[in-house]
Amino acid sequence: MDIGERRLQWVQHNHGVRDAQRVGVVAAEVLARQVQSGPAWRRHLLAVLVEHAGSEFLDRVIVAGLRDGVLRLEVVEPGELYALRVEWEQRLARVVQAELPAAGIQTVRFALRGHQH
């Protein structure tokens, strides 16, 4: 066997697809771990957000906290801030008030990550 054949065998042996997973499967597993960790109110909130807004929504936002009835969601991309405010602030406020009345959430606010209101 010459060197060219050995190289081809090495490539074939070492570059095969092994235990490949679709990105959606990996994302669902990460989301499931995220929903199962943290304080109870946060776990319930994440479950409600996944149910009503979808996992794509959670890929775009960070749950920054809950204070004085204001649920603060942060985004990294400035361009998404306005669109999320228009599309989701009032809708999410109604959803979390209905689904999580004990949390006392009155308002949902989107902000740019790292900026304080």
C-alpha atoms as a PDB file:
ATOM      1  CA  MET A   1       0.000   0.000   0.000  1.00  0.00           C
ATOM      2  CA  ASP A   2       1.447   3.340  -0.970  1.00  0.00           C
ATOM      3  CA  ILE A   3       1.315   6.581   1.023  1.00  0.00           C
ATOM      4  CA  GLY A   4      -1.641   7.913  -0.975  1.00  0.00           C
ATOM      5  CA  GLU A   5      -3.796   4.896  -0.118  1.00  0.00           C
ATOM      6  CA  ARG A   6      -2.843   5.152   3.571  1.00  0.00           C
ATOM      7  CA  ARG A   7      -3.854   8.822   3.597  1.00  0.00           C
ATOM      8  CA  LEU A   8      -7.209   8.018   2.013  1.00  0.00           C
ATOM      9  CA  GLN A   9      -7.852   5.265   4.562  1.00  0.00           C
ATOM     10  CA  TRP A  10      -6.905   7.616   7.409  1.00  0.00           C
ATOM     11  CA  VAL A  11      -9.244  10.313   6.092  1.00  0.00           C
ATOM     12  CA  GLN A  12     -12.074   7.851   5.630  1.00  0.00           C
ATOM     13  CA  HIS A  13     -11.585   6.428   9.105  1.00  0.00           C
ATOM     14  CA  ASN A  14     -11.184   9.753  10.949  1.00  0.00           C
ATOM     15  CA  HIS A  15     -13.623  12.017   9.146  1.00  0.00           C
ATOM     16  CA  GLY A  16     -16.769   9.938   9.298  1.00  0.00           C
ATOM     17  CA  VAL A  17     -19.922  11.380  10.878  1.00  0.00           C
ATOM     18  CA  ARG A  18     -20.237  10.103  14.427  1.00  0.00           C
ATOM     19  CA  ASP A  19     -23.184  10.715  16.705  1.00  0.00           C
ATOM     20  CA  ALA A  20     -24.201  13.875  14.876  1.00  0.00           C
ATOM     21  CA  GLN A  21     -27.241  15.656  16.298  1.00  0.00           C
ATOM     22  CA  ARG A  22     -29.471  18.216  14.698  1.00  0.00           C
ATOM     23  CA  VAL A  23     -29.120  21.733  16.073  1.00  0.00           C
ATOM     24  CA  GLY A  24     -32.795  21.756  17.084  1.00  0.00           C
ATOM     25  CA  VAL A  25     -32.310  18.678  19.262  1.00  0.00           C
ATOM     26  CA  VAL A  26     -29.302  20.220  21.003  1.00  0.00           C
ATOM     27  CA  ALA A  27     -31.169  23.522  21.475  1.00  0.00           C
ATOM     28  CA  ALA A  28     -34.159  21.712  23.002  1.00  0.00           C
ATOM     29  CA  GLU A  29     -31.878  19.921  25.466  1.00  0.00           C
ATOM     30  CA  VAL A  30     -30.206  23.181  26.489  1.00  0.00           C
ATOM     31  CA  LEU A  31     -33.593  24.844  26.893  1.00  0.00           C
ATOM     32  CA  ALA A  32     -34.861  21.961  29.014  1.00  0.00           C
ATOM     33  CA  ARG A  33     -31.871  22.321  31.343  1.00  0.00           C
ATOM     34  CA  GLN A  34     -32.431  26.084  31.502  1.00  0.00           C
ATOM     35  CA  VAL A  35     -36.095  25.613  32.408  1.00  0.00           C
ATOM     36  CA  GLN A  36     -35.167  23.147  35.173  1.00  0.00           C
ATOM     37  CA  SER A  37     -32.632  25.402  36.890  1.00  0.00           C
ATOM     38  CA  GLY A  38     -32.951  28.586  38.925  1.00  0.00           C
ATOM     39  CA  PRO A  39     -35.681  29.924  41.190  1.00  0.00           C
ATOM     40  CA  ALA A  40     -39.210  28.535  40.880  1.00  0.00           C
ATOM     41  CA  TRP A  41     -40.692  31.779  39.495  1.00  0.00           C
ATOM     42  CA  ARG A  42     -38.032  31.817  36.776  1.00  0.00           C
ATOM     43  CA  ARG A  43     -38.673  28.172  35.816  1.00  0.00           C
ATOM     44  CA  HIS A  44     -42.410  28.813  35.578  1.00  0.00           C
ATOM     45  CA  LEU A  45     -41.832  31.987  33.592  1.00  0.00           C
ATOM     46  CA  LEU A  46     -39.517  30.250  31.114  1.00  0.00           C
ATOM     47  CA  ALA A  47     -42.040  27.449  30.652  1.00  0.00           C
ATOM     48  CA  VAL A  48     -44.798  29.997  29.942  1.00  0.00           C
ATOM     49  CA  LEU A  49     -42.555  31.897  27.515  1.00  0.00           C
ATOM     50  CA  VAL A  50     -41.666  28.729  25.638  1.00  0.00           C
ATOM     51  CA  GLU A  51     -45.321  27.752  25.415  1.00  0.00           C
ATOM     52  CA  HIS A  52     -46.594  31.133  24.220  1.00  0.00           C
ATOM     53  CA  ALA A  53     -43.639  32.704  22.420  1.00  0.00           C
ATOM     54  CA  GLY A  54     -41.534  29.714  21.375  1.00  0.00           C
ATOM     55  CA  SER A  55     -37.922  28.749  21.837  1.00  0.00           C
ATOM     56  CA  GLU A  56     -36.815  31.123  19.039  1.00  0.00           C
ATOM     57  CA  PHE A  57     -38.017  33.999  21.220  1.00  0.00           C
ATOM     58  CA  LEU A  58     -35.897  32.788  24.134  1.00  0.00           C
ATOM     59  CA  ASP A  59     -32.900  32.628  21.829  1.00  0.00           C
ATOM     60  CA  ARG A  60     -33.272  36.393  21.380  1.00  0.00           C
ATOM     61  CA  VAL A  61     -33.863  37.535  24.970  1.00  0.00           C
ATOM     62  CA  ILE A  62     -32.379  37.213  28.447  1.00  0.00           C
ATOM     63  CA  VAL A  63     -34.600  37.222  31.525  1.00  0.00           C
ATOM     64  CA  ALA A  64     -32.848  39.925  33.535  1.00  0.00           C
ATOM     65  CA  GLY A  65     -35.130  40.018  36.544  1.00  0.00           C
ATOM     66  CA  LEU A  66     -38.386  40.901  38.199  1.00  0.00           C
ATOM     67  CA  ARG A  67     -38.663  43.948  40.400  1.00  0.00           C
ATOM     68  CA  ASP A  68     -41.656  45.964  41.581  1.00  0.00           C
ATOM     69  CA  GLY A  69     -43.979  44.176  39.159  1.00  0.00           C
ATOM     70  CA  VAL A  70     -41.765  44.870  36.129  1.00  0.00           C
ATOM     71  CA  LEU A  71     -40.378  41.886  34.253  1.00  0.00           C
ATOM     72  CA  ARG A  72     -37.177  42.992  32.551  1.00  0.00           C
ATOM     73  CA  LEU A  73     -36.108  41.151  29.407  1.00  0.00           C
ATOM     74  CA  GLU A  74     -32.859  42.133  27.768  1.00  0.00           C
ATOM     75  CA  VAL A  75     -31.596  41.823  24.215  1.00  0.00           C
ATOM     76  CA  VAL A  76     -28.053  41.929  22.919  1.00  0.00           C
ATOM     77  CA  GLU A  77     -28.783  43.333  19.467  1.00  0.00           C
ATOM     78  CA  PRO A  78     -29.934  46.985  19.415  1.00  0.00           C
ATOM     79  CA  GLY A  79     -31.829  46.398  16.167  1.00  0.00           C
ATOM     80  CA  GLU A  80     -34.131  43.859  17.817  1.00  0.00           C
ATOM     81  CA  LEU A  81     -35.111  46.089  20.718  1.00  0.00           C
ATOM     82  CA  TYR A  82     -37.791  48.143  18.963  1.00  0.00           C
ATOM     83  CA  ALA A  83     -39.311  45.179  17.137  1.00  0.00           C
ATOM     84  CA  LEU A  84     -39.585  43.142  20.333  1.00  0.00           C
ATOM     85  CA  ARG A  85     -41.111  46.064  22.221  1.00  0.00           C
ATOM     86  CA  VAL A  86     -43.787  46.585  19.584  1.00  0.00           C
ATOM     87  CA  GLU A  87     -44.591  42.921  19.062  1.00  0.00           C
ATOM     88  CA  TRP A  88     -44.233  41.431  22.551  1.00  0.00           C
ATOM     89  CA  GLU A  89     -44.427  43.855  25.515  1.00  0.00           C
ATOM     90  CA  GLN A  90     -48.213  44.075  25.845  1.00  0.00           C
ATOM     91  CA  ARG A  91     -48.841  40.539  24.660  1.00  0.00           C
ATOM     92  CA  LEU A  92     -46.402  39.031  27.172  1.00  0.00           C
ATOM     93  CA  ALA A  93     -47.782  41.181  29.970  1.00  0.00           C
ATOM     94  CA  ARG A  94     -51.262  39.744  29.360  1.00  0.00           C
ATOM     95  CA  VAL A  95     -49.928  36.177  29.107  1.00  0.00           C
ATOM     96  CA  VAL A  96     -47.854  36.250  32.301  1.00  0.00           C
ATOM     97  CA  GLN A  97     -50.625  38.001  34.229  1.00  0.00           C
ATOM     98  CA  ALA A  98     -53.025  35.234  33.215  1.00  0.00           C
ATOM     99  CA  GLU A  99     -50.620  32.303  33.584  1.00  0.00           C
ATOM    100  CA  LEU A 100     -48.584  33.476  36.602  1.00  0.00           C
ATOM    101  CA  PRO A 101     -50.841  35.739  38.680  1.00  0.00           C
ATOM    102  CA  ALA A 102     -48.889  35.024  41.877  1.00  0.00           C
ATOM    103  CA  ALA A 103     -45.721  36.509  40.329  1.00  0.00           C
ATOM    104  CA  GLY A 104     -47.312  39.968  40.405  1.00  0.00           C
ATOM    105  CA  ILE A 105     -45.990  40.954  36.978  1.00  0.00           C
ATOM    106  CA  GLN A 106     -47.754  44.114  35.823  1.00  0.00           C
ATOM    107  CA  THR A 107     -45.448  45.220  33.013  1.00  0.00           C
ATOM    108  CA  VAL A 108     -42.938  43.671  30.645  1.00  0.00           C
ATOM    109  CA  ARG A 109     -40.037  45.846  29.514  1.00  0.00           C
ATOM    110  CA  PHE A 110     -37.349  45.134  26.957  1.00  0.00           C
ATOM    111  CA  ALA A 111     -33.963  46.777  27.351  1.00  0.00           C
ATOM    112  CA  LEU A 112     -30.561  46.628  25.753  1.00  0.00           C
ATOM    113  CA  ARG A 113     -28.205  44.317  27.653  1.00  0.00           C
ATOM    114  CA  GLY A 114     -25.925  46.328  29.929  1.00  0.00           C
ATOM    115  CA  HIS A 115     -28.084  49.485  29.973  1.00  0.00           C
ATOM    116  CA  GLN A 116     -30.164  50.435  33.012  1.00  0.00           C
ATOM    117  CA  HIS A 117     -33.545  52.141  32.836  1.00  0.00           C
END
